[in-house]
Amino acid sequence: MTQVATRGAARRKRHDRIRLTLAGSAGRPRLAVFRSLNHIYAQVIDDASGRTLVAASTVEKELRGSKATKSEEAASIGKLIAERAKAAGIDRVVFDRAGFRYHGRIKSLADAAREAGLEF
């Protein structure tokens, strides 16, 4: 078995493997999450048409400069993406963790989105 050069490449490989079986449709779009060192991004994507329906991230003007912890910021993004999805008429999604482990900020975002009314 070959080793992957970097952690990022290993994550990308995991994500590609996950995406073989996971896809969003118009009826149940995909909630894709990306976590960088300082920020977290979430998008609701319809893979059939290749369009992003709703997006939220910590780089938005209203959320920039927050003194909250990264997990608290992730939770606020989860709540915000759920509110925006509900406003767009989306209540069921497929959760795509993009090769990241389901803990910490990823889990905070998912839990907050569920509490705000999104169904996974």
N, C-alpha and C. Protein backbone atom coordinates (compact mmCIF):
# COMPACT_ATOMS: atom_id res chain seq x y z
N MET A 1 0.84 -1.17 0.00
CA MET A 1 0.00 0.00 0.00
C MET A 1 0.89 1.24 0.00
N THR A 2 0.55 2.20 -0.83
CA THR A 2 1.38 3.41 -0.92
C THR A 2 0.93 4.43 0.11
N GLN A 3 1.89 5.23 0.55
CA GLN A 3 1.58 6.29 1.48
C GLN A 3 1.30 7.57 0.74
N VAL A 4 0.41 8.39 1.30
CA VAL A 4 0.10 9.69 0.71
C VAL A 4 1.06 10.71 1.30
N ALA A 5 1.50 11.67 0.49
CA ALA A 5 2.56 12.59 0.88
C ALA A 5 2.18 13.50 2.04
N THR A 6 0.97 14.05 2.06
CA THR A 6 0.60 15.01 3.10
C THR A 6 -0.76 14.67 3.70
N ARG A 7 -1.05 15.30 4.83
CA ARG A 7 -2.36 15.11 5.45
C ARG A 7 -3.47 15.62 4.55
N GLY A 8 -3.21 16.75 3.88
CA GLY A 8 -4.19 17.32 2.96
C GLY A 8 -4.50 16.39 1.81
N ALA A 9 -3.47 15.75 1.28
CA ALA A 9 -3.66 14.80 0.19
C ALA A 9 -4.43 13.57 0.67
N ALA A 10 -4.16 13.14 1.90
CA ALA A 10 -4.87 12.00 2.46
C ALA A 10 -6.34 12.34 2.66
N ARG A 11 -6.62 13.55 3.14
CA ARG A 11 -8.01 13.99 3.32
C ARG A 11 -8.72 14.05 1.97
N ARG A 12 -8.03 14.57 0.96
CA ARG A 12 -8.61 14.68 -0.38
C ARG A 12 -8.94 13.29 -0.93
N LYS A 13 -8.07 12.33 -0.67
CA LYS A 13 -8.29 10.96 -1.12
C LYS A 13 -9.51 10.35 -0.42
N ARG A 14 -9.63 10.60 0.90
CA ARG A 14 -10.80 10.13 1.64
C ARG A 14 -12.07 10.76 1.10
N HIS A 15 -12.00 12.08 0.82
CA HIS A 15 -13.16 12.80 0.31
C HIS A 15 -13.60 12.25 -1.05
N ASP A 16 -12.65 12.00 -1.93
CA ASP A 16 -12.97 11.42 -3.24
C ASP A 16 -13.64 10.06 -3.08
N ARG A 17 -13.17 9.26 -2.14
CA ARG A 17 -13.74 7.93 -1.90
C ARG A 17 -15.18 8.06 -1.36
N ILE A 18 -15.40 9.02 -0.46
CA ILE A 18 -16.74 9.25 0.09
C ILE A 18 -17.69 9.70 -1.00
N ARG A 19 -17.21 10.58 -1.89
CA ARG A 19 -18.06 11.16 -2.93
C ARG A 19 -18.49 10.16 -3.99
N LEU A 20 -17.86 8.99 -4.03
CA LEU A 20 -18.29 7.96 -4.97
C LEU A 20 -19.70 7.49 -4.66
N THR A 21 -20.06 7.49 -3.38
CA THR A 21 -21.38 7.01 -2.98
C THR A 21 -22.31 8.11 -2.51
N LEU A 22 -21.81 9.31 -2.30
CA LEU A 22 -22.60 10.38 -1.72
C LEU A 22 -22.85 11.47 -2.76
N ALA A 23 -24.11 11.80 -3.01
CA ALA A 23 -24.43 12.86 -3.97
C ALA A 23 -25.70 13.56 -3.53
N GLY A 24 -25.77 14.86 -3.81
CA GLY A 24 -26.95 15.63 -3.49
C GLY A 24 -27.85 15.73 -4.71
N SER A 25 -29.15 15.78 -4.46
CA SER A 25 -30.12 15.93 -5.55
C SER A 25 -30.96 17.17 -5.28
N ALA A 26 -31.88 17.47 -6.18
CA ALA A 26 -32.74 18.63 -5.97
C ALA A 26 -33.62 18.43 -4.74
N GLY A 27 -34.08 17.20 -4.54
CA GLY A 27 -34.94 16.90 -3.39
C GLY A 27 -34.18 16.83 -2.08
N ARG A 28 -32.94 16.39 -2.14
CA ARG A 28 -32.12 16.26 -0.93
C ARG A 28 -30.68 16.67 -1.27
N PRO A 29 -30.38 17.98 -1.23
CA PRO A 29 -29.04 18.45 -1.60
C PRO A 29 -27.99 18.05 -0.56
N ARG A 30 -26.74 18.28 -0.92
CA ARG A 30 -25.60 17.89 -0.10
C ARG A 30 -25.12 19.08 0.71
N LEU A 31 -24.97 18.90 2.02
CA LEU A 31 -24.39 19.93 2.89
C LEU A 31 -22.90 19.62 3.00
N ALA A 32 -22.09 20.36 2.26
CA ALA A 32 -20.65 20.15 2.22
C ALA A 32 -19.96 21.09 3.20
N VAL A 33 -19.04 20.56 3.98
CA VAL A 33 -18.33 21.34 4.99
C VAL A 33 -16.84 21.32 4.67
N PHE A 34 -16.20 22.49 4.78
CA PHE A 34 -14.75 22.56 4.64
C PHE A 34 -14.20 23.29 5.85
N ARG A 35 -13.15 22.73 6.44
CA ARG A 35 -12.55 23.30 7.64
C ARG A 35 -11.10 23.66 7.32
N SER A 36 -10.77 24.94 7.45
CA SER A 36 -9.38 25.34 7.32
C SER A 36 -8.83 25.59 8.72
N LEU A 37 -7.62 26.06 8.80
CA LEU A 37 -7.01 26.28 10.12
C LEU A 37 -7.79 27.32 10.93
N ASN A 38 -8.23 28.40 10.28
CA ASN A 38 -8.89 29.48 11.01
C ASN A 38 -10.39 29.62 10.73
N HIS A 39 -10.89 29.05 9.66
CA HIS A 39 -12.27 29.28 9.27
C HIS A 39 -12.99 27.97 8.98
N ILE A 40 -14.31 28.07 8.86
CA ILE A 40 -15.14 26.94 8.47
C ILE A 40 -16.15 27.43 7.45
N TYR A 41 -16.39 26.61 6.44
CA TYR A 41 -17.27 26.97 5.34
C TYR A 41 -18.31 25.86 5.18
N ALA A 42 -19.55 26.24 4.86
CA ALA A 42 -20.60 25.26 4.62
C ALA A 42 -21.40 25.69 3.40
N GLN A 43 -21.72 24.72 2.54
CA GLN A 43 -22.51 24.98 1.35
C GLN A 43 -23.56 23.89 1.20
N VAL A 44 -24.74 24.28 0.73
CA VAL A 44 -25.76 23.31 0.36
C VAL A 44 -25.76 23.27 -1.16
N ILE A 45 -25.45 22.08 -1.72
CA ILE A 45 -25.19 21.94 -3.15
C ILE A 45 -26.14 20.95 -3.78
N ASP A 46 -26.71 21.33 -4.94
CA ASP A 46 -27.49 20.42 -5.76
C ASP A 46 -26.54 19.87 -6.82
N ASP A 47 -26.10 18.62 -6.66
CA ASP A 47 -25.11 18.04 -7.57
C ASP A 47 -25.70 17.75 -8.95
N ALA A 48 -27.01 17.57 -9.04
CA ALA A 48 -27.63 17.29 -10.33
C ALA A 48 -27.47 18.48 -11.28
N SER A 49 -27.66 19.69 -10.75
CA SER A 49 -27.53 20.88 -11.59
C SER A 49 -26.16 21.55 -11.41
N GLY A 50 -25.39 21.10 -10.41
CA GLY A 50 -24.07 21.68 -10.17
C GLY A 50 -24.11 23.08 -9.61
N ARG A 51 -25.16 23.38 -8.83
CA ARG A 51 -25.33 24.72 -8.27
C ARG A 51 -25.25 24.73 -6.75
N THR A 52 -24.64 25.80 -6.22
CA THR A 52 -24.66 26.02 -4.78
C THR A 52 -25.94 26.76 -4.46
N LEU A 53 -26.77 26.19 -3.60
CA LEU A 53 -28.06 26.79 -3.28
C LEU A 53 -27.95 27.78 -2.13
N VAL A 54 -27.17 27.42 -1.11
CA VAL A 54 -27.02 28.24 0.09
C VAL A 54 -25.59 28.09 0.59
N ALA A 55 -25.01 29.17 1.12
CA ALA A 55 -23.65 29.09 1.67
C ALA A 55 -23.54 29.96 2.91
N ALA A 56 -22.61 29.60 3.79
CA ALA A 56 -22.29 30.39 4.97
C ALA A 56 -20.87 30.07 5.38
N SER A 57 -20.16 31.06 5.90
CA SER A 57 -18.80 30.82 6.38
C SER A 57 -18.41 31.89 7.40
N THR A 58 -17.31 31.63 8.09
CA THR A 58 -16.83 32.57 9.10
C THR A 58 -16.10 33.75 8.49
N VAL A 59 -15.91 33.76 7.18
CA VAL A 59 -15.25 34.91 6.55
C VAL A 59 -16.25 35.99 6.13
N GLU A 60 -17.53 35.75 6.36
CA GLU A 60 -18.54 36.76 6.04
C GLU A 60 -18.36 37.97 6.94
N LYS A 61 -18.74 39.12 6.41
CA LYS A 61 -18.51 40.40 7.08
C LYS A 61 -19.10 40.44 8.50
N GLU A 62 -20.33 39.92 8.65
CA GLU A 62 -20.99 39.98 9.96
C GLU A 62 -20.31 39.10 11.00
N LEU A 63 -19.65 38.04 10.56
CA LEU A 63 -19.05 37.09 11.49
C LEU A 63 -17.55 37.28 11.70
N ARG A 64 -16.95 38.14 10.89
CA ARG A 64 -15.51 38.36 10.99
C ARG A 64 -15.17 39.08 12.30
N GLY A 65 -14.06 38.75 12.90
CA GLY A 65 -13.60 39.43 14.11
C GLY A 65 -14.30 38.96 15.37
N SER A 66 -14.95 37.81 15.32
CA SER A 66 -15.64 37.27 16.48
C SER A 66 -14.62 36.80 17.52
N LYS A 67 -14.96 36.95 18.78
CA LYS A 67 -14.07 36.52 19.86
C LYS A 67 -14.43 35.13 20.37
N ALA A 68 -15.37 34.46 19.69
CA ALA A 68 -15.80 33.12 20.10
C ALA A 68 -14.73 32.09 19.75
N THR A 69 -14.83 30.93 20.39
CA THR A 69 -13.91 29.84 20.05
C THR A 69 -14.27 29.29 18.66
N LYS A 70 -13.37 28.50 18.09
CA LYS A 70 -13.62 27.95 16.75
C LYS A 70 -14.85 27.03 16.76
N SER A 71 -15.04 26.26 17.82
CA SER A 71 -16.20 25.37 17.90
C SER A 71 -17.50 26.17 18.01
N GLU A 72 -17.47 27.27 18.77
CA GLU A 72 -18.65 28.13 18.88
C GLU A 72 -18.96 28.79 17.54
N GLU A 73 -17.92 29.20 16.82
CA GLU A 73 -18.12 29.78 15.49
C GLU A 73 -18.71 28.75 14.54
N ALA A 74 -18.24 27.51 14.62
CA ALA A 74 -18.77 26.44 13.77
C ALA A 74 -20.24 26.20 14.07
N ALA A 75 -20.61 26.25 15.35
CA ALA A 75 -22.01 26.09 15.72
C ALA A 75 -22.87 27.22 15.16
N SER A 76 -22.34 28.45 15.20
CA SER A 76 -23.10 29.57 14.65
C SER A 76 -23.26 29.44 13.14
N ILE A 77 -22.26 28.89 12.45
CA ILE A 77 -22.35 28.66 11.01
C ILE A 77 -23.38 27.56 10.73
N GLY A 78 -23.42 26.53 11.56
CA GLY A 78 -24.42 25.48 11.42
C GLY A 78 -25.83 26.01 11.55
N LYS A 79 -26.03 26.88 12.53
CA LYS A 79 -27.34 27.49 12.73
C LYS A 79 -27.70 28.39 11.55
N LEU A 80 -26.73 29.17 11.09
CA LEU A 80 -26.95 30.09 9.98
C LEU A 80 -27.25 29.35 8.68
N ILE A 81 -26.53 28.29 8.39
CA ILE A 81 -26.76 27.54 7.15
C ILE A 81 -28.14 26.88 7.20
N ALA A 82 -28.56 26.41 8.38
CA ALA A 82 -29.88 25.81 8.51
C ALA A 82 -30.98 26.84 8.28
N GLU A 83 -30.81 28.04 8.84
CA GLU A 83 -31.80 29.11 8.64
C GLU A 83 -31.90 29.49 7.17
N ARG A 84 -30.75 29.63 6.52
CA ARG A 84 -30.75 30.00 5.10
C ARG A 84 -31.34 28.90 4.23
N ALA A 85 -31.06 27.64 4.60
CA ALA A 85 -31.62 26.52 3.84
C ALA A 85 -33.14 26.48 4.01
N LYS A 86 -33.62 26.67 5.23
CA LYS A 86 -35.06 26.68 5.49
C LYS A 86 -35.73 27.80 4.70
N ALA A 87 -35.09 28.96 4.62
CA ALA A 87 -35.63 30.09 3.86
C ALA A 87 -35.70 29.76 2.37
N ALA A 88 -34.78 28.92 1.89
CA ALA A 88 -34.76 28.52 0.49
C ALA A 88 -35.65 27.30 0.24
N GLY A 89 -36.35 26.83 1.26
CA GLY A 89 -37.27 25.70 1.10
C GLY A 89 -36.61 24.34 1.20
N ILE A 90 -35.45 24.27 1.83
CA ILE A 90 -34.72 23.01 1.98
C ILE A 90 -34.81 22.58 3.44
N ASP A 91 -35.30 21.35 3.67
CA ASP A 91 -35.35 20.87 5.06
C ASP A 91 -34.61 19.55 5.26
N ARG A 92 -34.27 18.84 4.16
CA ARG A 92 -33.52 17.59 4.27
C ARG A 92 -32.25 17.70 3.43
N VAL A 93 -31.13 17.28 4.00
CA VAL A 93 -29.85 17.32 3.31
C VAL A 93 -29.08 16.02 3.54
N VAL A 94 -28.04 15.82 2.73
CA VAL A 94 -27.08 14.73 2.92
C VAL A 94 -25.82 15.40 3.46
N PHE A 95 -25.32 14.93 4.60
CA PHE A 95 -24.15 15.58 5.22
C PHE A 95 -22.87 15.04 4.61
N ASP A 96 -22.02 15.95 4.12
CA ASP A 96 -20.74 15.59 3.51
C ASP A 96 -19.63 16.20 4.37
N ARG A 97 -18.93 15.36 5.14
CA ARG A 97 -17.88 15.86 6.02
C ARG A 97 -16.56 16.07 5.31
N ALA A 98 -16.50 15.72 4.02
CA ALA A 98 -15.36 16.01 3.14
C ALA A 98 -14.04 15.39 3.62
N GLY A 99 -14.10 14.21 4.19
CA GLY A 99 -12.88 13.53 4.61
C GLY A 99 -12.37 13.94 5.97
N PHE A 100 -13.03 14.90 6.62
CA PHE A 100 -12.63 15.31 7.97
C PHE A 100 -13.26 14.35 8.97
N ARG A 101 -12.59 14.15 10.10
CA ARG A 101 -13.15 13.31 11.16
C ARG A 101 -14.38 13.99 11.74
N TYR A 102 -15.37 13.20 12.12
CA TYR A 102 -16.61 13.74 12.67
C TYR A 102 -16.44 14.01 14.17
N HIS A 103 -15.75 15.09 14.49
CA HIS A 103 -15.59 15.52 15.87
C HIS A 103 -15.21 17.00 15.84
N GLY A 104 -15.18 17.62 16.99
CA GLY A 104 -14.76 19.02 17.07
C GLY A 104 -15.67 19.96 16.30
N ARG A 105 -15.07 20.76 15.43
CA ARG A 105 -15.81 21.79 14.69
C ARG A 105 -16.83 21.19 13.72
N ILE A 106 -16.50 20.07 13.09
CA ILE A 106 -17.42 19.44 12.15
C ILE A 106 -18.67 18.97 12.90
N LYS A 107 -18.47 18.35 14.05
CA LYS A 107 -19.59 17.88 14.86
C LYS A 107 -20.41 19.04 15.41
N SER A 108 -19.76 20.12 15.83
CA SER A 108 -20.47 21.30 16.33
C SER A 108 -21.38 21.88 15.26
N LEU A 109 -20.85 21.99 14.04
CA LEU A 109 -21.64 22.53 12.94
C LEU A 109 -22.84 21.63 12.65
N ALA A 110 -22.62 20.33 12.58
CA ALA A 110 -23.70 19.38 12.27
C ALA A 110 -24.78 19.40 13.35
N ASP A 111 -24.37 19.39 14.61
CA ASP A 111 -25.33 19.40 15.71
C ASP A 111 -26.17 20.67 15.71
N ALA A 112 -25.53 21.82 15.47
CA ALA A 112 -26.25 23.09 15.45
C ALA A 112 -27.22 23.14 14.27
N ALA A 113 -26.83 22.60 13.13
CA ALA A 113 -27.71 22.58 11.96
C ALA A 113 -28.93 21.69 12.24
N ARG A 114 -28.70 20.56 12.91
CA ARG A 114 -29.82 19.66 13.27
C ARG A 114 -30.77 20.36 14.23
N GLU A 115 -30.21 21.03 15.24
CA GLU A 115 -31.04 21.73 16.23
C GLU A 115 -31.85 22.84 15.59
N ALA A 116 -31.30 23.47 14.55
CA ALA A 116 -31.99 24.57 13.88
C ALA A 116 -33.04 24.06 12.88
N GLY A 117 -33.14 22.74 12.72
CA GLY A 117 -34.24 22.20 11.92
C GLY A 117 -33.86 21.48 10.65
N LEU A 118 -32.57 21.38 10.31
CA LEU A 118 -32.18 20.61 9.12
C LEU A 118 -32.20 19.13 9.48
N GLU A 119 -32.68 18.31 8.56
CA GLU A 119 -32.76 16.88 8.79
C GLU A 119 -31.69 16.19 7.95
N PHE A 120 -30.84 15.38 8.60
CA PHE A 120 -29.78 14.66 7.89
C PHE A 120 -30.24 13.24 7.67
